């Protein structure tokens, strides 16, 4: 039996993909005071989160835990930089909690 993707998870993942695109646009206006590693970190974390979102779109269990690790590490890095954002936590947290809710339906 093929497991279907819940509509809520689909909507949240699409919003996450849009967020990945917007993060890359925001790099254009990145301030030099944030350091030279900031653009590299954002680019690599965007690629990682896009892979995790792709895994969630095809309902893979590994993607739940990989995205959870991304969520924690990303928030810690932004806290250390003094750029913590509640909006990023809310969307990523909603994606993680929703994927945990549907964890048993995943392969």
N, C-alpha and C. Protein backbone atom coordinates (compact mmCIF):
# COMPACT_ATOMS: atom_id res chain seq x y z
N UNK A 1 0.84 -1.18 0.00
CA UNK A 1 0.00 0.00 0.00
C UNK A 1 0.88 1.24 0.00
N UNK A 2 0.60 2.13 -0.88
CA UNK A 2 1.38 3.35 -0.99
C UNK A 2 0.86 4.38 0.01
N UNK A 3 1.80 4.98 0.77
CA UNK A 3 1.39 6.00 1.73
C UNK A 3 1.27 7.34 1.01
N UNK A 4 0.21 8.04 1.31
CA UNK A 4 0.01 9.34 0.68
C UNK A 4 0.57 10.43 1.57
N UNK A 5 0.89 11.55 0.95
CA UNK A 5 1.42 12.68 1.70
C UNK A 5 0.26 13.53 2.18
N UNK A 6 0.20 13.80 3.48
CA UNK A 6 -0.87 14.63 4.02
C UNK A 6 -0.80 16.06 3.47
N UNK A 7 -1.95 16.66 3.21
CA UNK A 7 -1.96 18.02 2.65
C UNK A 7 -1.25 19.05 3.53
N UNK A 8 -1.38 18.93 4.84
CA UNK A 8 -0.71 19.88 5.73
C UNK A 8 0.80 19.80 5.59
N UNK A 9 1.34 18.60 5.52
CA UNK A 9 2.78 18.43 5.35
C UNK A 9 3.22 18.97 3.99
N UNK A 10 2.41 18.77 2.98
CA UNK A 10 2.73 19.29 1.65
C UNK A 10 2.81 20.81 1.67
N UNK A 11 1.83 21.45 2.28
CA UNK A 11 1.81 22.92 2.34
C UNK A 11 3.02 23.44 3.11
N UNK A 12 3.33 22.82 4.24
CA UNK A 12 4.46 23.27 5.03
C UNK A 12 5.79 23.07 4.30
N UNK A 13 5.92 21.95 3.59
CA UNK A 13 7.16 21.71 2.84
C UNK A 13 7.30 22.72 1.70
N UNK A 14 6.21 23.03 1.03
CA UNK A 14 6.27 24.04 -0.04
C UNK A 14 6.66 25.40 0.54
N UNK A 15 6.11 25.73 1.70
CA UNK A 15 6.51 26.98 2.36
C UNK A 15 8.00 26.93 2.74
N UNK A 16 8.49 25.78 3.14
CA UNK A 16 9.90 25.62 3.45
C UNK A 16 10.78 25.81 2.23
N UNK A 17 10.34 25.27 1.07
CA UNK A 17 11.10 25.47 -0.17
C UNK A 17 11.12 26.94 -0.56
N UNK A 18 10.01 27.63 -0.37
CA UNK A 18 9.97 29.07 -0.65
C UNK A 18 10.92 29.80 0.29
N UNK A 19 10.96 29.38 1.54
CA UNK A 19 11.90 29.97 2.50
C UNK A 19 13.35 29.75 2.08
N UNK A 20 13.65 28.57 1.52
CA UNK A 20 15.01 28.31 1.03
C UNK A 20 15.37 29.29 -0.09
N UNK A 21 14.44 29.52 -0.98
CA UNK A 21 14.66 30.46 -2.08
C UNK A 21 14.87 31.88 -1.53
N UNK A 22 14.06 32.27 -0.56
CA UNK A 22 14.18 33.63 0.00
C UNK A 22 15.48 33.82 0.77
N UNK A 23 15.97 32.76 1.42
CA UNK A 23 17.24 32.88 2.13
C UNK A 23 18.38 33.18 1.16
N UNK A 24 18.32 32.60 -0.02
CA UNK A 24 19.36 32.86 -1.00
C UNK A 24 19.29 34.30 -1.52
N UNK A 25 18.09 34.82 -1.66
CA UNK A 25 17.93 36.21 -2.09
C UNK A 25 18.46 37.15 -1.01
N UNK A 26 18.24 36.83 0.26
CA UNK A 26 18.70 37.68 1.35
C UNK A 26 20.22 37.73 1.45
N UNK A 27 20.90 36.75 0.89
CA UNK A 27 22.36 36.77 0.91
C UNK A 27 22.92 37.93 0.10
N UNK A 28 22.16 38.42 -0.85
CA UNK A 28 22.62 39.53 -1.68
C UNK A 28 22.87 40.76 -0.80
N UNK A 29 22.02 40.98 0.17
CA UNK A 29 22.16 42.14 1.04
C UNK A 29 22.85 41.84 2.36
N UNK A 30 23.61 40.73 2.42
CA UNK A 30 24.27 40.36 3.67
C UNK A 30 25.31 41.41 4.05
N UNK A 31 25.28 41.78 5.29
CA UNK A 31 26.20 42.79 5.82
C UNK A 31 27.58 42.19 6.03
N UNK A 32 28.65 42.92 5.67
CA UNK A 32 30.00 42.41 5.91
C UNK A 32 30.32 42.21 7.39
N UNK A 33 29.60 42.89 8.27
CA UNK A 33 29.86 42.74 9.71
C UNK A 33 29.43 41.37 10.23
N UNK A 34 28.65 40.63 9.46
CA UNK A 34 28.25 39.29 9.87
C UNK A 34 29.36 38.28 9.64
N UNK A 35 30.38 38.68 8.93
CA UNK A 35 31.52 37.80 8.69
C UNK A 35 31.48 37.16 7.33
N UNK A 36 32.61 36.62 6.95
CA UNK A 36 32.71 36.00 5.63
C UNK A 36 32.13 34.59 5.63
N UNK A 37 32.00 33.97 6.78
CA UNK A 37 31.46 32.62 6.85
C UNK A 37 29.94 32.59 6.77
N UNK A 38 29.29 33.72 7.00
CA UNK A 38 27.82 33.75 7.01
C UNK A 38 27.22 33.32 5.67
N UNK A 39 27.66 33.88 4.54
CA UNK A 39 27.07 33.43 3.27
C UNK A 39 27.30 31.94 3.01
N UNK A 40 28.47 31.44 3.37
CA UNK A 40 28.74 30.02 3.18
C UNK A 40 27.83 29.17 4.06
N UNK A 41 27.66 29.56 5.32
CA UNK A 41 26.79 28.81 6.22
C UNK A 41 25.35 28.80 5.71
N UNK A 42 24.86 29.96 5.30
CA UNK A 42 23.47 30.04 4.82
C UNK A 42 23.30 29.20 3.56
N UNK A 43 24.27 29.25 2.66
CA UNK A 43 24.16 28.46 1.43
C UNK A 43 24.15 26.96 1.73
N UNK A 44 25.07 26.51 2.58
CA UNK A 44 25.12 25.08 2.91
C UNK A 44 23.90 24.64 3.71
N UNK A 45 23.44 25.47 4.62
CA UNK A 45 22.26 25.09 5.40
C UNK A 45 21.00 25.08 4.53
N UNK A 46 20.97 25.94 3.53
CA UNK A 46 19.83 25.95 2.60
C UNK A 46 19.81 24.68 1.77
N UNK A 47 20.96 24.25 1.30
CA UNK A 47 21.03 23.00 0.54
C UNK A 47 20.60 21.82 1.42
N UNK A 48 21.11 21.79 2.65
CA UNK A 48 20.77 20.71 3.57
C UNK A 48 19.27 20.69 3.87
N UNK A 49 18.70 21.87 4.14
CA UNK A 49 17.26 21.90 4.45
C UNK A 49 16.42 21.53 3.23
N UNK A 50 16.87 21.90 2.03
CA UNK A 50 16.13 21.52 0.83
C UNK A 50 16.15 20.00 0.64
N UNK A 51 17.28 19.36 0.94
CA UNK A 51 17.36 17.89 0.86
C UNK A 51 16.41 17.27 1.89
N UNK A 52 16.40 17.81 3.09
CA UNK A 52 15.50 17.30 4.13
C UNK A 52 14.03 17.49 3.73
N UNK A 53 13.70 18.65 3.19
CA UNK A 53 12.32 18.90 2.74
C UNK A 53 11.93 17.97 1.61
N UNK A 54 12.87 17.70 0.72
CA UNK A 54 12.61 16.73 -0.35
C UNK A 54 12.33 15.35 0.22
N UNK A 55 13.09 14.95 1.25
CA UNK A 55 12.85 13.68 1.91
C UNK A 55 11.49 13.63 2.59
N UNK A 56 11.08 14.75 3.18
CA UNK A 56 9.76 14.80 3.79
C UNK A 56 8.65 14.73 2.74
N UNK A 57 8.91 15.33 1.59
CA UNK A 57 7.90 15.30 0.52
C UNK A 57 7.66 13.87 0.02
N UNK A 58 8.69 13.03 0.06
CA UNK A 58 8.51 11.64 -0.36
C UNK A 58 8.32 10.71 0.84
N UNK A 59 8.04 11.33 2.02
CA UNK A 59 7.65 10.59 3.23
C UNK A 59 8.73 9.61 3.70
N UNK A 60 9.93 10.10 3.92
CA UNK A 60 11.03 9.28 4.44
C UNK A 60 11.29 9.61 5.90
N UNK A 61 11.48 8.58 6.70
CA UNK A 61 11.69 8.77 8.14
C UNK A 61 13.02 9.46 8.44
N UNK A 62 14.05 9.18 7.68
CA UNK A 62 15.34 9.79 7.94
C UNK A 62 15.25 11.31 7.84
N UNK A 63 14.34 11.80 6.99
CA UNK A 63 14.22 13.24 6.79
C UNK A 63 13.68 13.95 8.04
N UNK A 64 12.86 13.25 8.81
CA UNK A 64 12.33 13.84 10.04
C UNK A 64 13.47 14.17 11.00
N UNK A 65 14.35 13.19 11.22
CA UNK A 65 15.44 13.40 12.18
C UNK A 65 16.51 14.32 11.61
N UNK A 66 16.74 14.25 10.32
CA UNK A 66 17.71 15.17 9.71
C UNK A 66 17.21 16.61 9.79
N UNK A 67 15.91 16.80 9.58
CA UNK A 67 15.36 18.15 9.67
C UNK A 67 15.36 18.64 11.12
N UNK A 68 15.11 17.74 12.06
CA UNK A 68 15.17 18.11 13.47
C UNK A 68 16.57 18.57 13.87
N UNK A 69 17.59 17.87 13.37
CA UNK A 69 18.97 18.27 13.64
C UNK A 69 19.25 19.64 13.03
N UNK A 70 18.77 19.85 11.80
CA UNK A 70 18.93 21.15 11.15
C UNK A 70 18.27 22.25 11.98
N UNK A 71 17.09 21.99 12.48
CA UNK A 71 16.36 22.98 13.26
C UNK A 71 17.15 23.40 14.50
N UNK A 72 17.67 22.44 15.22
CA UNK A 72 18.41 22.74 16.45
C UNK A 72 19.72 23.47 16.14
N UNK A 73 20.49 22.95 15.20
CA UNK A 73 21.78 23.56 14.88
C UNK A 73 21.59 24.97 14.33
N UNK A 74 20.61 25.16 13.47
CA UNK A 74 20.37 26.48 12.88
C UNK A 74 20.00 27.50 13.95
N UNK A 75 19.18 27.11 14.89
CA UNK A 75 18.80 28.04 15.95
C UNK A 75 19.98 28.37 16.86
N UNK A 76 20.81 27.39 17.16
CA UNK A 76 21.98 27.63 18.01
C UNK A 76 22.96 28.58 17.31
N UNK A 77 23.20 28.35 16.03
CA UNK A 77 24.10 29.23 15.28
C UNK A 77 23.57 30.65 15.26
N UNK A 78 22.28 30.81 15.00
CA UNK A 78 21.72 32.16 14.94
C UNK A 78 21.70 32.83 16.32
N UNK A 79 21.52 32.05 17.39
CA UNK A 79 21.62 32.62 18.73
C UNK A 79 23.03 33.13 19.01
N UNK A 80 24.03 32.36 18.59
CA UNK A 80 25.41 32.76 18.78
C UNK A 80 25.76 34.02 17.99
N UNK A 81 25.14 34.16 16.83
CA UNK A 81 25.40 35.34 15.99
C UNK A 81 24.60 36.56 16.43
N UNK A 82 23.62 36.34 17.29
CA UNK A 82 22.75 37.44 17.70
C UNK A 82 21.71 37.79 16.65
N UNK A 83 21.38 36.83 15.77
CA UNK A 83 20.42 37.06 14.70
C UNK A 83 19.23 36.10 14.81
N UNK A 84 18.88 35.69 16.00
CA UNK A 84 17.81 34.73 16.18
C UNK A 84 16.49 35.32 15.70
N UNK A 85 15.70 34.49 15.01
CA UNK A 85 14.46 34.94 14.41
C UNK A 85 13.34 33.98 14.78
N UNK A 86 12.30 34.50 15.41
CA UNK A 86 11.17 33.67 15.82
C UNK A 86 10.43 33.09 14.62
N UNK A 87 10.35 33.84 13.53
CA UNK A 87 9.65 33.38 12.34
C UNK A 87 10.26 32.11 11.76
N UNK A 88 11.58 32.06 11.72
CA UNK A 88 12.26 30.87 11.20
C UNK A 88 12.03 29.67 12.12
N UNK A 89 11.99 29.93 13.41
CA UNK A 89 11.73 28.85 14.36
C UNK A 89 10.30 28.33 14.22
N UNK A 90 9.36 29.22 14.00
CA UNK A 90 7.96 28.80 13.89
C UNK A 90 7.72 27.92 12.67
N UNK A 91 8.22 28.33 11.50
CA UNK A 91 8.01 27.53 10.30
C UNK A 91 8.72 26.19 10.40
N UNK A 92 10.00 26.22 10.77
CA UNK A 92 10.76 24.97 10.88
C UNK A 92 10.19 24.08 11.98
N UNK A 93 9.76 24.68 13.08
CA UNK A 93 9.15 23.91 14.15
C UNK A 93 7.84 23.27 13.73
N UNK A 94 7.04 24.01 12.97
CA UNK A 94 5.78 23.47 12.46
C UNK A 94 6.03 22.30 11.51
N UNK A 95 7.04 22.44 10.66
CA UNK A 95 7.37 21.35 9.74
C UNK A 95 7.82 20.13 10.53
N UNK A 96 8.69 20.32 11.51
CA UNK A 96 9.21 19.20 12.30
C UNK A 96 8.10 18.52 13.10
N UNK A 97 7.26 19.30 13.78
CA UNK A 97 6.19 18.71 14.59
C UNK A 97 5.17 17.99 13.73
N UNK A 98 4.85 18.56 12.57
CA UNK A 98 3.91 17.90 11.66
C UNK A 98 4.49 16.60 11.13
N UNK A 99 5.77 16.62 10.78
CA UNK A 99 6.38 15.39 10.28
C UNK A 99 6.48 14.34 11.38
N UNK A 100 6.69 14.75 12.62
CA UNK A 100 6.67 13.79 13.73
C UNK A 100 5.28 13.17 13.90
N UNK A 101 4.25 13.98 13.71
CA UNK A 101 2.88 13.49 13.82
C UNK A 101 2.60 12.39 12.79
N UNK A 102 3.14 12.56 11.58
CA UNK A 102 2.92 11.59 10.50
C UNK A 102 4.06 10.59 10.37
N UNK A 103 4.90 10.47 11.37
CA UNK A 103 6.08 9.61 11.30
C UNK A 103 5.73 8.15 10.99
N UNK A 104 4.70 7.64 11.58
CA UNK A 104 4.33 6.22 11.38
C UNK A 104 3.89 5.91 9.95
N UNK A 105 3.43 6.92 9.23
CA UNK A 105 3.01 6.69 7.85
C UNK A 105 4.19 6.70 6.87
N UNK A 106 5.34 7.10 7.35
CA UNK A 106 6.50 7.22 6.48
C UNK A 106 7.23 5.91 6.32
N UNK A 107 8.02 5.83 5.26
CA UNK A 107 8.82 4.62 4.98
C UNK A 107 10.19 4.77 5.60
